[in-house]
Amino acid sequence: VLVTHDLAHAHFPSQLPFFHRLYYQIFAPKFNRRADRIVAVS
């Protein structure tokens, strides 16, 4: 069960350092697709 707070990294990628941005771009979709259940905060 994955708690996802926001996707700010996807909306404002230029505001992240390069390697942080790359990590989120690659792995955030994988994490959310892999989870059996997701709990969003809003």
PDB file of all heavy atoms in Angstrom:
ATOM      1  N   VAL A   1       0.862  -1.178   0.000  1.00  0.00           N
ATOM      2  CA  VAL A   1       0.000   0.000   0.000  1.00  0.00           C
ATOM      3  C   VAL A   1       0.901   1.231   0.000  1.00  0.00           C
ATOM      4  O   VAL A   1       1.751   1.386   0.876  1.00  0.00           O
ATOM      5  CB  VAL A   1      -0.936   0.028   1.231  1.00  0.00           C
ATOM      6  CG1 VAL A   1      -1.741   1.330   1.259  1.00  0.00           C
ATOM      7  CG2 VAL A   1      -1.872  -1.180   1.210  1.00  0.00           C
ATOM      8  N   LEU A   2       0.720   2.083  -1.001  1.00  0.00           N
ATOM      9  CA  LEU A   2       1.577   3.251  -1.191  1.00  0.00           C
ATOM     10  C   LEU A   2       0.790   4.526  -0.912  1.00  0.00           C
ATOM     11  O   LEU A   2      -0.288   4.727  -1.469  1.00  0.00           O
ATOM     12  CB  LEU A   2       2.094   3.285  -2.630  1.00  0.00           C
ATOM     13  CG  LEU A   2       2.939   4.482  -3.059  1.00  0.00           C
ATOM     14  CD1 LEU A   2       4.286   4.466  -2.368  1.00  0.00           C
ATOM     15  CD2 LEU A   2       3.126   4.483  -4.580  1.00  0.00           C
ATOM     16  N   VAL A   3       1.323   5.383  -0.033  1.00  0.00           N
ATOM     17  CA  VAL A   3       0.727   6.697   0.190  1.00  0.00           C
ATOM     18  C   VAL A   3       1.428   7.695  -0.736  1.00  0.00           C
ATOM     19  O   VAL A   3       2.646   7.872  -0.658  1.00  0.00           O
ATOM     20  CB  VAL A   3       0.862   7.150   1.652  1.00  0.00           C
ATOM     21  CG1 VAL A   3       0.262   8.546   1.834  1.00  0.00           C
ATOM     22  CG2 VAL A   3       0.178   6.154   2.586  1.00  0.00           C
ATOM     23  N   THR A   4       0.664   8.320  -1.620  1.00  0.00           N
ATOM     24  CA  THR A   4       1.207   9.326  -2.532  1.00  0.00           C
ATOM     25  C   THR A   4       0.668  10.699  -2.136  1.00  0.00           C
ATOM     26  O   THR A   4      -0.547  10.908  -2.096  1.00  0.00           O
ATOM     27  CB  THR A   4       0.830   9.006  -3.988  1.00  0.00           C
ATOM     28  OG1 THR A   4       1.440   7.763  -4.364  1.00  0.00           O
ATOM     29  CG2 THR A   4       1.304  10.098  -4.933  1.00  0.00           C
ATOM     30  N   HIS A   5       1.599  11.597  -1.858  1.00  0.00           N
ATOM     31  CA  HIS A   5       1.215  12.929  -1.374  1.00  0.00           C
ATOM     32  C   HIS A   5       0.970  13.911  -2.512  1.00  0.00           C
ATOM     33  O   HIS A   5       0.046  14.723  -2.441  1.00  0.00           O
ATOM     34  CB  HIS A   5       2.286  13.461  -0.422  1.00  0.00           C
ATOM     35  CG  HIS A   5       2.419  12.642   0.819  1.00  0.00           C
ATOM     36  ND1 HIS A   5       1.717  12.935   1.973  1.00  0.00           N
ATOM     37  CD2 HIS A   5       3.134  11.525   1.078  1.00  0.00           C
ATOM     38  CE1 HIS A   5       2.015  12.027   2.897  1.00  0.00           C
ATOM     39  NE2 HIS A   5       2.860  11.161   2.378  1.00  0.00           N
ATOM     40  N   ASP A   6       1.813  13.880  -3.527  1.00  0.00           N
ATOM     41  CA  ASP A   6       1.625  14.788  -4.663  1.00  0.00           C
ATOM     42  C   ASP A   6       2.514  14.354  -5.812  1.00  0.00           C
ATOM     43  O   ASP A   6       3.377  13.486  -5.662  1.00  0.00           O
ATOM     44  CB  ASP A   6       1.917  16.243  -4.271  1.00  0.00           C
ATOM     45  CG  ASP A   6       3.365  16.463  -3.845  1.00  0.00           C
ATOM     46  OD1 ASP A   6       4.276  16.179  -4.661  1.00  0.00           O
ATOM     47  OD2 ASP A   6       3.604  16.924  -2.712  1.00  0.00           O
ATOM     48  N   LEU A   7       2.289  14.985  -6.961  1.00  0.00           N
ATOM     49  CA  LEU A   7       3.126  14.787  -8.140  1.00  0.00           C
ATOM     50  C   LEU A   7       3.763  16.119  -8.541  1.00  0.00           C
ATOM     51  O   LEU A   7       3.864  16.451  -9.724  1.00  0.00           O
ATOM     52  CB  LEU A   7       2.293  14.232  -9.304  1.00  0.00           C
ATOM     53  CG  LEU A   7       1.581  12.900  -9.064  1.00  0.00           C
ATOM     54  CD1 LEU A   7       0.854  12.450 -10.321  1.00  0.00           C
ATOM     55  CD2 LEU A   7       2.550  11.823  -8.595  1.00  0.00           C
ATOM     56  N   ALA A   8       4.226  16.855  -7.545  1.00  0.00           N
ATOM     57  CA  ALA A   8       4.815  18.169  -7.815  1.00  0.00           C
ATOM     58  C   ALA A   8       6.002  18.065  -8.761  1.00  0.00           C
ATOM     59  O   ALA A   8       6.234  18.954  -9.590  1.00  0.00           O
ATOM     60  CB  ALA A   8       5.241  18.827  -6.500  1.00  0.00           C
ATOM     61  N   HIS A   9       6.751  16.971  -8.645  1.00  0.00           N
ATOM     62  CA  HIS A   9       7.920  16.794  -9.507  1.00  0.00           C
ATOM     63  C   HIS A   9       7.534  16.735 -10.983  1.00  0.00           C
ATOM     64  O   HIS A   9       8.325  17.105 -11.855  1.00  0.00           O
ATOM     65  CB  HIS A   9       8.653  15.506  -9.126  1.00  0.00           C
ATOM     66  CG  HIS A   9       7.787  14.288  -9.192  1.00  0.00           C
ATOM     67  ND1 HIS A   9       6.980  13.894  -8.135  1.00  0.00           N
ATOM     68  CD2 HIS A   9       7.567  13.408 -10.184  1.00  0.00           C
ATOM     69  CE1 HIS A   9       6.326  12.806  -8.483  1.00  0.00           C
ATOM     70  NE2 HIS A   9       6.659  12.494  -9.715  1.00  0.00           N
ATOM     71  N   ALA A  10       6.333  16.253 -11.274  1.00  0.00           N
ATOM     72  CA  ALA A  10       5.879  16.164 -12.660  1.00  0.00           C
ATOM     73  C   ALA A  10       5.360  17.502 -13.179  1.00  0.00           C
ATOM     74  O   ALA A  10       5.451  17.786 -14.368  1.00  0.00           O
ATOM     75  CB  ALA A  10       4.781  15.105 -12.779  1.00  0.00           C
ATOM     76  N   HIS A  11       4.832  18.323 -12.290  1.00  0.00           N
ATOM     77  CA  HIS A  11       4.294  19.614 -12.696  1.00  0.00           C
ATOM     78  C   HIS A  11       5.368  20.699 -12.770  1.00  0.00           C
ATOM     79  O   HIS A  11       5.255  21.631 -13.567  1.00  0.00           O
ATOM     80  CB  HIS A  11       3.199  20.043 -11.715  1.00  0.00           C
ATOM     81  CG  HIS A  11       1.958  19.223 -11.804  1.00  0.00           C
ATOM     82  ND1 HIS A  11       0.888  19.551 -12.596  1.00  0.00           N
ATOM     83  CD2 HIS A  11       1.625  18.048 -11.198  1.00  0.00           C
ATOM     84  CE1 HIS A  11      -0.058  18.640 -12.476  1.00  0.00           C
ATOM     85  NE2 HIS A  11       0.362  17.709 -11.623  1.00  0.00           N
ATOM     86  N   PHE A  12       6.390  20.580 -11.927  1.00  0.00           N
ATOM     87  CA  PHE A  12       7.443  21.600 -11.870  1.00  0.00           C
ATOM     88  C   PHE A  12       8.824  20.942 -11.932  1.00  0.00           C
ATOM     89  O   PHE A  12       9.644  21.093 -11.020  1.00  0.00           O
ATOM     90  CB  PHE A  12       7.312  22.427 -10.588  1.00  0.00           C
ATOM     91  CG  PHE A  12       6.047  23.225 -10.516  1.00  0.00           C
ATOM     92  CD1 PHE A  12       4.911  22.688  -9.918  1.00  0.00           C
ATOM     93  CD2 PHE A  12       5.972  24.501 -11.050  1.00  0.00           C
ATOM     94  CE1 PHE A  12       3.733  23.412  -9.854  1.00  0.00           C
ATOM     95  CE2 PHE A  12       4.795  25.229 -10.997  1.00  0.00           C
ATOM     96  CZ  PHE A  12       3.671  24.685 -10.404  1.00  0.00           C
ATOM     97  N   PRO A  13       9.107  20.209 -13.000  1.00  0.00           N
ATOM     98  CA  PRO A  13      10.379  19.488 -13.072  1.00  0.00           C
ATOM     99  C   PRO A  13      11.600  20.402 -13.045  1.00  0.00           C
ATOM    100  O   PRO A  13      12.651  20.030 -12.526  1.00  0.00           O
ATOM    101  CB  PRO A  13      10.280  18.719 -14.392  1.00  0.00           C
ATOM    102  CG  PRO A  13       9.266  19.474 -15.198  1.00  0.00           C
ATOM    103  CD  PRO A  13       8.289  19.996 -14.209  1.00  0.00           C
ATOM    104  N   SER A  14      11.468  21.603 -13.596  1.00  0.00           N
ATOM    105  CA  SER A  14      12.624  22.507 -13.670  1.00  0.00           C
ATOM    106  C   SER A  14      13.058  23.008 -12.301  1.00  0.00           C
ATOM    107  O   SER A  14      14.155  23.549 -12.152  1.00  0.00           O
ATOM    108  CB  SER A  14      12.302  23.699 -14.575  1.00  0.00           C
ATOM    109  OG  SER A  14      11.255  24.481 -14.015  1.00  0.00           O
ATOM    110  N   GLN A  15      12.208  22.826 -11.297  1.00  0.00           N
ATOM    111  CA  GLN A  15      12.543  23.301  -9.959  1.00  0.00           C
ATOM    112  C   GLN A  15      13.282  22.260  -9.123  1.00  0.00           C
ATOM    113  O   GLN A  15      13.556  22.479  -7.946  1.00  0.00           O
ATOM    114  CB  GLN A  15      11.275  23.762  -9.237  1.00  0.00           C
ATOM    115  CG  GLN A  15      10.627  24.970  -9.907  1.00  0.00           C
ATOM    116  CD  GLN A  15       9.432  25.497  -9.157  1.00  0.00           C
ATOM    117  OE1 GLN A  15       9.144  25.071  -8.045  1.00  0.00           O
ATOM    118  NE2 GLN A  15       8.728  26.438  -9.744  1.00  0.00           N
ATOM    119  N   LEU A  16      13.610  21.122  -9.739  1.00  0.00           N
ATOM    120  CA  LEU A  16      14.359  20.078  -9.047  1.00  0.00           C
ATOM    121  C   LEU A  16      15.772  19.978  -9.623  1.00  0.00           C
ATOM    122  O   LEU A  16      15.976  20.191 -10.821  1.00  0.00           O
ATOM    123  CB  LEU A  16      13.667  18.727  -9.203  1.00  0.00           C
ATOM    124  CG  LEU A  16      12.364  18.506  -8.449  1.00  0.00           C
ATOM    125  CD1 LEU A  16      11.749  17.176  -8.862  1.00  0.00           C
ATOM    126  CD2 LEU A  16      12.591  18.546  -6.953  1.00  0.00           C
ATOM    127  N   PRO A  17      16.747  19.618  -8.781  1.00  0.00           N
ATOM    128  CA  PRO A  17      18.075  19.309  -9.320  1.00  0.00           C
ATOM    129  C   PRO A  17      17.975  18.169 -10.328  1.00  0.00           C
ATOM    130  O   PRO A  17      17.087  17.317 -10.250  1.00  0.00           O
ATOM    131  CB  PRO A  17      18.861  18.886  -8.076  1.00  0.00           C
ATOM    132  CG  PRO A  17      18.128  19.483  -6.924  1.00  0.00           C
ATOM    133  CD  PRO A  17      16.684  19.497  -7.325  1.00  0.00           C
ATOM    134  N   PHE A  18      18.902  18.127 -11.280  1.00  0.00           N
ATOM    135  CA  PHE A  18      18.811  17.217 -12.421  1.00  0.00           C
ATOM    136  C   PHE A  18      18.618  15.763 -11.993  1.00  0.00           C
ATOM    137  O   PHE A  18      17.729  15.067 -12.509  1.00  0.00           O
ATOM    138  CB  PHE A  18      20.061  17.336 -13.298  1.00  0.00           C
ATOM    139  CG  PHE A  18      20.109  16.316 -14.400  1.00  0.00           C
ATOM    140  CD1 PHE A  18      19.308  16.446 -15.526  1.00  0.00           C
ATOM    141  CD2 PHE A  18      20.927  15.192 -14.295  1.00  0.00           C
ATOM    142  CE1 PHE A  18      19.335  15.494 -16.536  1.00  0.00           C
ATOM    143  CE2 PHE A  18      20.958  14.230 -15.307  1.00  0.00           C
ATOM    144  CZ  PHE A  18      20.149  14.389 -16.421  1.00  0.00           C
ATOM    145  N   PHE A  19      19.454  15.253 -11.089  1.00  0.00           N
ATOM    146  CA  PHE A  19      19.390  13.837 -10.744  1.00  0.00           C
ATOM    147  C   PHE A  19      18.131  13.512  -9.940  1.00  0.00           C
ATOM    148  O   PHE A  19      17.557  12.416 -10.076  1.00  0.00           O
ATOM    149  CB  PHE A  19      20.649  13.402  -9.993  1.00  0.00           C
ATOM    150  CG  PHE A  19      21.839  13.293 -10.891  1.00  0.00           C
ATOM    151  CD1 PHE A  19      22.865  14.225 -10.823  1.00  0.00           C
ATOM    152  CD2 PHE A  19      21.937  12.284 -11.838  1.00  0.00           C
ATOM    153  CE1 PHE A  19      23.964  14.142 -11.679  1.00  0.00           C
ATOM    154  CE2 PHE A  19      23.025  12.180 -12.684  1.00  0.00           C
ATOM    155  CZ  PHE A  19      24.049  13.121 -12.607  1.00  0.00           C
ATOM    156  N   HIS A  20      17.655  14.436  -9.120  1.00  0.00           N
ATOM    157  CA  HIS A  20      16.375  14.226  -8.434  1.00  0.00           C
ATOM    158  C   HIS A  20      15.245  14.143  -9.465  1.00  0.00           C
ATOM    159  O   HIS A  20      14.365  13.276  -9.377  1.00  0.00           O
ATOM    160  CB  HIS A  20      16.097  15.379  -7.465  1.00  0.00           C
ATOM    161  CG  HIS A  20      16.969  15.394  -6.258  1.00  0.00           C
ATOM    162  ND1 HIS A  20      18.286  15.763  -6.299  1.00  0.00           N
ATOM    163  CD2 HIS A  20      16.709  15.078  -4.965  1.00  0.00           C
ATOM    164  CE1 HIS A  20      18.810  15.689  -5.091  1.00  0.00           C
ATOM    165  NE2 HIS A  20      17.878  15.263  -4.262  1.00  0.00           N
ATOM    166  N   ARG A  21      15.276  15.056 -10.422  1.00  0.00           N
ATOM    167  CA  ARG A  21      14.242  15.080 -11.454  1.00  0.00           C
ATOM    168  C   ARG A  21      14.243  13.788 -12.253  1.00  0.00           C
ATOM    169  O   ARG A  21      13.183  13.197 -12.500  1.00  0.00           O
ATOM    170  CB  ARG A  21      14.489  16.284 -12.373  1.00  0.00           C
ATOM    171  CG  ARG A  21      13.474  16.397 -13.492  1.00  0.00           C
ATOM    172  CD  ARG A  21      13.561  17.754 -14.186  1.00  0.00           C
ATOM    173  NE  ARG A  21      14.788  17.916 -14.967  1.00  0.00           N
ATOM    174  CZ  ARG A  21      15.761  18.765 -14.687  1.00  0.00           C
ATOM    175  NH1 ARG A  21      15.685  19.525 -13.601  1.00  0.00           N
ATOM    176  NH2 ARG A  21      16.814  18.863 -15.475  1.00  0.00           N
ATOM    177  N   LEU A  22      15.413  13.328 -12.623  1.00  0.00           N
ATOM    178  CA  LEU A  22      15.523  12.094 -13.402  1.00  0.00           C
ATOM    179  C   LEU A  22      15.001  10.905 -12.611  1.00  0.00           C
ATOM    180  O   LEU A  22      14.277  10.043 -13.145  1.00  0.00           O
ATOM    181  CB  LEU A  22      16.981  11.873 -13.795  1.00  0.00           C
ATOM    182  CG  LEU A  22      17.274  10.706 -14.749  1.00  0.00           C
ATOM    183  CD1 LEU A  22      16.571  10.934 -16.087  1.00  0.00           C
ATOM    184  CD2 LEU A  22      18.772  10.541 -14.949  1.00  0.00           C
ATOM    185  N   TYR A  23      15.339  10.841 -11.324  1.00  0.00           N
ATOM    186  CA  TYR A  23      14.888   9.738 -10.469  1.00  0.00           C
ATOM    187  C   TYR A  23      13.356   9.689 -10.424  1.00  0.00           C
ATOM    188  O   TYR A  23      12.741   8.634 -10.629  1.00  0.00           O
ATOM    189  CB  TYR A  23      15.465   9.899  -9.069  1.00  0.00           C
ATOM    190  CG  TYR A  23      15.016   8.830  -8.104  1.00  0.00           C
ATOM    191  CD1 TYR A  23      15.698   7.617  -8.006  1.00  0.00           C
ATOM    192  CD2 TYR A  23      13.893   9.005  -7.303  1.00  0.00           C
ATOM    193  CE1 TYR A  23      15.274   6.622  -7.139  1.00  0.00           C
ATOM    194  CE2 TYR A  23      13.467   8.023  -6.430  1.00  0.00           C
ATOM    195  CZ  TYR A  23      14.165   6.838  -6.349  1.00  0.00           C
ATOM    196  OH  TYR A  23      13.751   5.855  -5.496  1.00  0.00           O
ATOM    197  N   TYR A  24      12.745  10.844 -10.158  1.00  0.00           N
ATOM    198  CA  TYR A  24      11.287  10.877 -10.068  1.00  0.00           C
ATOM    199  C   TYR A  24      10.632  10.548 -11.405  1.00  0.00           C
ATOM    200  O   TYR A  24       9.608   9.850 -11.448  1.00  0.00           O
ATOM    201  CB  TYR A  24      10.821  12.254  -9.586  1.00  0.00           C
ATOM    202  CG  TYR A  24      10.950  12.452  -8.098  1.00  0.00           C
ATOM    203  CD1 TYR A  24      11.762  13.454  -7.576  1.00  0.00           C
ATOM    204  CD2 TYR A  24      10.236  11.656  -7.214  1.00  0.00           C
ATOM    205  CE1 TYR A  24      11.873  13.648  -6.212  1.00  0.00           C
ATOM    206  CE2 TYR A  24      10.334  11.834  -5.841  1.00  0.00           C
ATOM    207  CZ  TYR A  24      11.159  12.832  -5.344  1.00  0.00           C
ATOM    208  OH  TYR A  24      11.272  13.010  -3.999  1.00  0.00           O
ATOM    209  N   GLN A  25      11.187  11.053 -12.499  1.00  0.00           N
ATOM    210  CA  GLN A  25      10.606  10.786 -13.813  1.00  0.00           C
ATOM    211  C   GLN A  25      10.590   9.293 -14.126  1.00  0.00           C
ATOM    212  O   GLN A  25       9.632   8.787 -14.715  1.00  0.00           O
ATOM    213  CB  GLN A  25      11.394  11.542 -14.894  1.00  0.00           C
ATOM    214  CG  GLN A  25      11.132  13.039 -14.912  1.00  0.00           C
ATOM    215  CD  GLN A  25      12.016  13.766 -15.919  1.00  0.00           C
ATOM    216  OE1 GLN A  25      13.018  13.235 -16.392  1.00  0.00           O
ATOM    217  NE2 GLN A  25      11.659  15.006 -16.227  1.00  0.00           N
ATOM    218  N   ILE A  26      11.653   8.603 -13.713  1.00  0.00           N
ATOM    219  CA  ILE A  26      11.753   7.175 -14.007  1.00  0.00           C
ATOM    220  C   ILE A  26      10.931   6.335 -13.036  1.00  0.00           C
ATOM    221  O   ILE A  26      10.172   5.446 -13.439  1.00  0.00           O
ATOM    222  CB  ILE A  26      13.227   6.720 -13.987  1.00  0.00           C
ATOM    223  CG1 ILE A  26      14.003   7.385 -15.126  1.00  0.00           C
ATOM    224  CG2 ILE A  26      13.336   5.190 -14.078  1.00  0.00           C
ATOM    225  CD1 ILE A  26      15.505   7.168 -15.061  1.00  0.00           C
ATOM    226  N   PHE A  27      11.081   6.639 -11.740  1.00  0.00           N
ATOM    227  CA  PHE A  27      10.572   5.707 -10.737  1.00  0.00           C
ATOM    228  C   PHE A  27       9.187   6.036 -10.183  1.00  0.00           C
ATOM    229  O   PHE A  27       8.458   5.110  -9.783  1.00  0.00           O
ATOM    230  CB  PHE A  27      11.570   5.582  -9.588  1.00  0.00           C
ATOM    231  CG  PHE A  27      12.793   4.795  -9.946  1.00  0.00           C
ATOM    232  CD1 PHE A  27      13.992   5.439 -10.226  1.00  0.00           C
ATOM    233  CD2 PHE A  27      12.742   3.416 -10.053  1.00  0.00           C
ATOM    234  CE1 PHE A  27      15.122   4.719 -10.576  1.00  0.00           C
ATOM    235  CE2 PHE A  27      13.856   2.683 -10.406  1.00  0.00           C
ATOM    236  CZ  PHE A  27      15.053   3.334 -10.678  1.00  0.00           C
ATOM    237  N   ALA A  28       8.788   7.288 -10.133  1.00  0.00           N
ATOM    238  CA  ALA A  28       7.472   7.598  -9.562  1.00  0.00           C
ATOM    239  C   ALA A  28       6.340   6.877 -10.292  1.00  0.00           C
ATOM    240  O   ALA A  28       5.452   6.288  -9.648  1.00  0.00           O
ATOM    241  CB  ALA A  28       7.243   9.108  -9.532  1.00  0.00           C
ATOM    242  N   PRO A  29       6.314   6.860 -11.638  1.00  0.00           N
ATOM    243  CA  PRO A  29       5.253   6.081 -12.304  1.00  0.00           C
ATOM    244  C   PRO A  29       5.333   4.586 -11.987  1.00  0.00           C
ATOM    245  O   PRO A  29       4.299   3.930 -11.798  1.00  0.00           O
ATOM    246  CB  PRO A  29       5.517   6.335 -13.793  1.00  0.00           C
ATOM    247  CG  PRO A  29       6.341   7.573 -13.851  1.00  0.00           C
ATOM    248  CD  PRO A  29       7.169   7.562 -12.602  1.00  0.00           C
ATOM    249  N   LYS A  30       6.554   4.051 -11.907  1.00  0.00           N
ATOM    250  CA  LYS A  30       6.720   2.622 -11.606  1.00  0.00           C
ATOM    251  C   LYS A  30       6.207   2.295 -10.209  1.00  0.00           C
ATOM    252  O   LYS A  30       5.538   1.272  -9.997  1.00  0.00           O
ATOM    253  CB  LYS A  30       8.203   2.230 -11.722  1.00  0.00           C
ATOM    254  CG  LYS A  30       8.777   2.306 -13.128  1.00  0.00           C
ATOM    255  CD  LYS A  30      10.244   1.915 -13.123  1.00  0.00           C
ATOM    256  CE  LYS A  30      10.875   2.040 -14.505  1.00  0.00           C
ATOM    257  NZ  LYS A  30      10.333   1.050 -15.452  1.00  0.00           N
ATOM    258  N   PHE A  31       6.533   3.140  -9.226  1.00  0.00           N
ATOM    259  CA  PHE A  31       6.089   2.903  -7.856  1.00  0.00           C
ATOM    260  C   PHE A  31       4.566   2.859  -7.788  1.00  0.00           C
ATOM    261  O   PHE A  31       3.975   1.958  -7.173  1.00  0.00           O
ATOM    262  CB  PHE A  31       6.602   3.996  -6.918  1.00  0.00           C
ATOM    263  CG  PHE A  31       8.091   3.978  -6.706  1.00  0.00           C
ATOM    264  CD1 PHE A  31       8.769   5.156  -6.407  1.00  0.00           C
ATOM    265  CD2 PHE A  31       8.828   2.811  -6.779  1.00  0.00           C
ATOM    266  CE1 PHE A  31      10.142   5.161  -6.198  1.00  0.00           C
ATOM    267  CE2 PHE A  31      10.194   2.802  -6.579  1.00  0.00           C
ATOM    268  CZ  PHE A  31      10.851   3.980  -6.280  1.00  0.00           C
ATOM    269  N   ASN A  32       3.921   3.838  -8.412  1.00  0.00           N
ATOM    270  CA  ASN A  32       2.467   3.911  -8.327  1.00  0.00           C
ATOM    271  C   ASN A  32       1.789   2.787  -9.101  1.00  0.00           C
ATOM    272  O   ASN A  32       0.735   2.295  -8.687  1.00  0.00           O
ATOM    273  CB  ASN A  32       1.988   5.283  -8.828  1.00  0.00           C
ATOM    274  CG  ASN A  32       2.186   6.376  -7.791  1.00  0.00           C
ATOM    275  OD1 ASN A  32       1.381   6.529  -6.884  1.00  0.00           O
ATOM    276  ND2 ASN A  32       3.268   7.128  -7.916  1.00  0.00           N
ATOM    277  N   ARG A  33       2.387   2.354 -10.209  1.00  0.00           N
ATOM    278  CA  ARG A  33       1.797   1.247 -10.962  1.00  0.00           C
ATOM    279  C   ARG A  33       2.025  -0.088 -10.271  1.00  0.00           C
ATOM    280  O   ARG A  33       1.203  -0.993 -10.381  1.00  0.00           O
ATOM    281  CB  ARG A  33       2.363   1.245 -12.384  1.00  0.00           C
ATOM    282  CG  ARG A  33       1.870   2.419 -13.218  1.00  0.00           C
ATOM    283  CD  ARG A  33       2.622   2.598 -14.510  1.00  0.00           C
ATOM    284  NE  ARG A  33       2.170   3.801 -15.218  1.00  0.00           N
ATOM    285  CZ  ARG A  33       2.928   4.517 -16.037  1.00  0.00           C
ATOM    286  NH1 ARG A  33       4.180   4.139 -16.285  1.00  0.00           N
ATOM    287  NH2 ARG A  33       2.450   5.598 -16.626  1.00  0.00           N
ATOM    288  N   ARG A  34       3.131  -0.214  -9.557  1.00  0.00           N
ATOM    289  CA  ARG A  34       3.446  -1.459  -8.847  1.00  0.00           C
ATOM    290  C   ARG A  34       2.572  -1.656  -7.614  1.00  0.00           C
ATOM    291  O   ARG A  34       2.211  -2.785  -7.268  1.00  0.00           O
ATOM    292  CB  ARG A  34       4.933  -1.455  -8.447  1.00  0.00           C
ATOM    293  CG  ARG A  34       5.327  -2.420  -7.321  1.00  0.00           C
ATOM    294  CD  ARG A  34       5.114  -3.886  -7.707  1.00  0.00           C
ATOM    295  NE  ARG A  34       5.384  -4.775  -6.597  1.00  0.00           N
ATOM    296  CZ  ARG A  34       4.511  -5.121  -5.673  1.00  0.00           C
ATOM    297  NH1 ARG A  34       3.277  -4.600  -5.690  1.00  0.00           N
ATOM    298  NH2 ARG A  34       4.835  -5.972  -4.711  1.00  0.00           N
ATOM    299  N   ALA A  35       2.219  -0.601  -6.938  1.00  0.00           N
ATOM    300  CA  ALA A  35       1.474  -0.714  -5.679  1.00  0.00           C
ATOM    301  C   ALA A  35       0.149  -1.454  -5.892  1.00  0.00           C
ATOM    302  O   ALA A  35      -0.525  -1.286  -6.914  1.00  0.00           O
ATOM    303  CB  ALA A  35       1.201   0.675  -5.112  1.00  0.00           C
ATOM    304  N   ASP A  36      -0.199  -2.276  -4.918  1.00  0.00           N
ATOM    305  CA  ASP A  36      -1.486  -2.971  -4.996  1.00  0.00           C
ATOM    306  C   ASP A  36      -2.642  -2.035  -4.671  1.00  0.00           C
ATOM    307  O   ASP A  36      -3.725  -2.154  -5.240  1.00  0.00           O
ATOM    308  CB  ASP A  36      -1.479  -4.158  -4.027  1.00  0.00           C
ATOM    309  CG  ASP A  36      -0.462  -5.198  -4.455  1.00  0.00           C
ATOM    310  OD1 ASP A  36      -0.763  -5.974  -5.382  1.00  0.00           O
ATOM    311  OD2 ASP A  36       0.654  -5.218  -3.883  1.00  0.00           O
ATOM    312  N   ARG A  37      -2.400  -1.133  -3.738  1.00  0.00           N
ATOM    313  CA  ARG A  37      -3.367  -0.093  -3.409  1.00  0.00           C
ATOM    314  C   ARG A  37      -2.604   1.217  -3.225  1.00  0.00           C
ATOM    315  O   ARG A  37      -1.463   1.230  -2.750  1.00  0.00           O
ATOM    316  CB  ARG A  37      -4.126  -0.404  -2.115  1.00  0.00           C
ATOM    317  CG  ARG A  37      -5.004  -1.644  -2.151  1.00  0.00           C
ATOM    318  CD  ARG A  37      -6.224  -1.447  -3.043  1.00  0.00           C
ATOM    319  NE  ARG A  37      -7.042  -0.311  -2.635  1.00  0.00           N
ATOM    320  CZ  ARG A  37      -8.045   0.186  -3.369  1.00  0.00           C
ATOM    321  NH1 ARG A  37      -8.351  -0.342  -4.546  1.00  0.00           N
ATOM    322  NH2 ARG A  37      -8.741   1.222  -2.934  1.00  0.00           N
ATOM    323  N   ILE A  38      -3.243   2.333  -3.586  1.00  0.00           N
ATOM    324  CA  ILE A  38      -2.675   3.666  -3.384  1.00  0.00           C
ATOM    325  C   ILE A  38      -3.630   4.462  -2.503  1.00  0.00           C
ATOM    326  O   ILE A  38      -4.850   4.426  -2.708  1.00  0.00           O
ATOM    327  CB  ILE A  38      -2.469   4.404  -4.713  1.00  0.00           C
ATOM    328  CG1 ILE A  38      -1.497   3.650  -5.607  1.00  0.00           C
ATOM    329  CG2 ILE A  38      -1.969   5.837  -4.469  1.00  0.00           C
ATOM    330  CD1 ILE A  38      -1.401   4.228  -7.019  1.00  0.00           C
ATOM    331  N   VAL A  39      -3.056   5.159  -1.553  1.00  0.00           N
ATOM    332  CA  VAL A  39      -3.820   6.113  -0.749  1.00  0.00           C
ATOM    333  C   VAL A  39      -3.307   7.510  -1.089  1.00  0.00           C
ATOM    334  O   VAL A  39      -2.129   7.811  -0.858  1.00  0.00           O
ATOM    335  CB  VAL A  39      -3.678   5.842   0.757  1.00  0.00           C
ATOM    336  CG1 VAL A  39      -4.403   6.926   1.556  1.00  0.00           C
ATOM    337  CG2 VAL A  39      -4.241   4.466   1.108  1.00  0.00           C
ATOM    338  N   ALA A  40      -4.160   8.341  -1.677  1.00  0.00           N
ATOM    339  CA  ALA A  40      -3.816   9.729  -1.964  1.00  0.00           C
ATOM    340  C   ALA A  40      -4.292  10.608  -0.818  1.00  0.00           C
ATOM    341  O   ALA A  40      -5.267  10.283  -0.129  1.00  0.00           O
ATOM    342  CB  ALA A  40      -4.468  10.171  -3.266  1.00  0.00           C
ATOM    343  N   VAL A  41      -3.602  11.739  -0.614  1.00  0.00           N
ATOM    344  CA  VAL A  41      -3.964  12.602   0.519  1.00  0.00           C
ATOM    345  C   VAL A  41      -5.056  13.606   0.165  1.00  0.00           C
ATOM    346  O   VAL A  41      -5.532  14.334   1.034  1.00  0.00           O
ATOM    347  CB  VAL A  41      -2.741  13.345   1.080  1.00  0.00           C
ATOM    348  CG1 VAL A  41      -1.712  12.364   1.628  1.00  0.00           C
ATOM    349  CG2 VAL A  41      -2.115  14.266   0.029  1.00  0.00           C
ATOM    350  N   SER A  42      -5.465  13.639  -1.104  1.00  0.00           N
ATOM    351  CA  SER A  42      -6.547  14.535  -1.515  1.00  0.00           C
ATOM    352  C   SER A  42      -7.185  13.989  -2.780  1.00  0.00           C
ATOM    353  O   SER A  42      -6.589  13.183  -3.506  1.00  0.00           O
ATOM    354  CB  SER A  42      -6.020  15.952  -1.776  1.00  0.00           C
ATOM    355  OG  SER A  42      -5.087  15.951  -2.848  1.00  0.00           O
TER     356      SER A  42
END
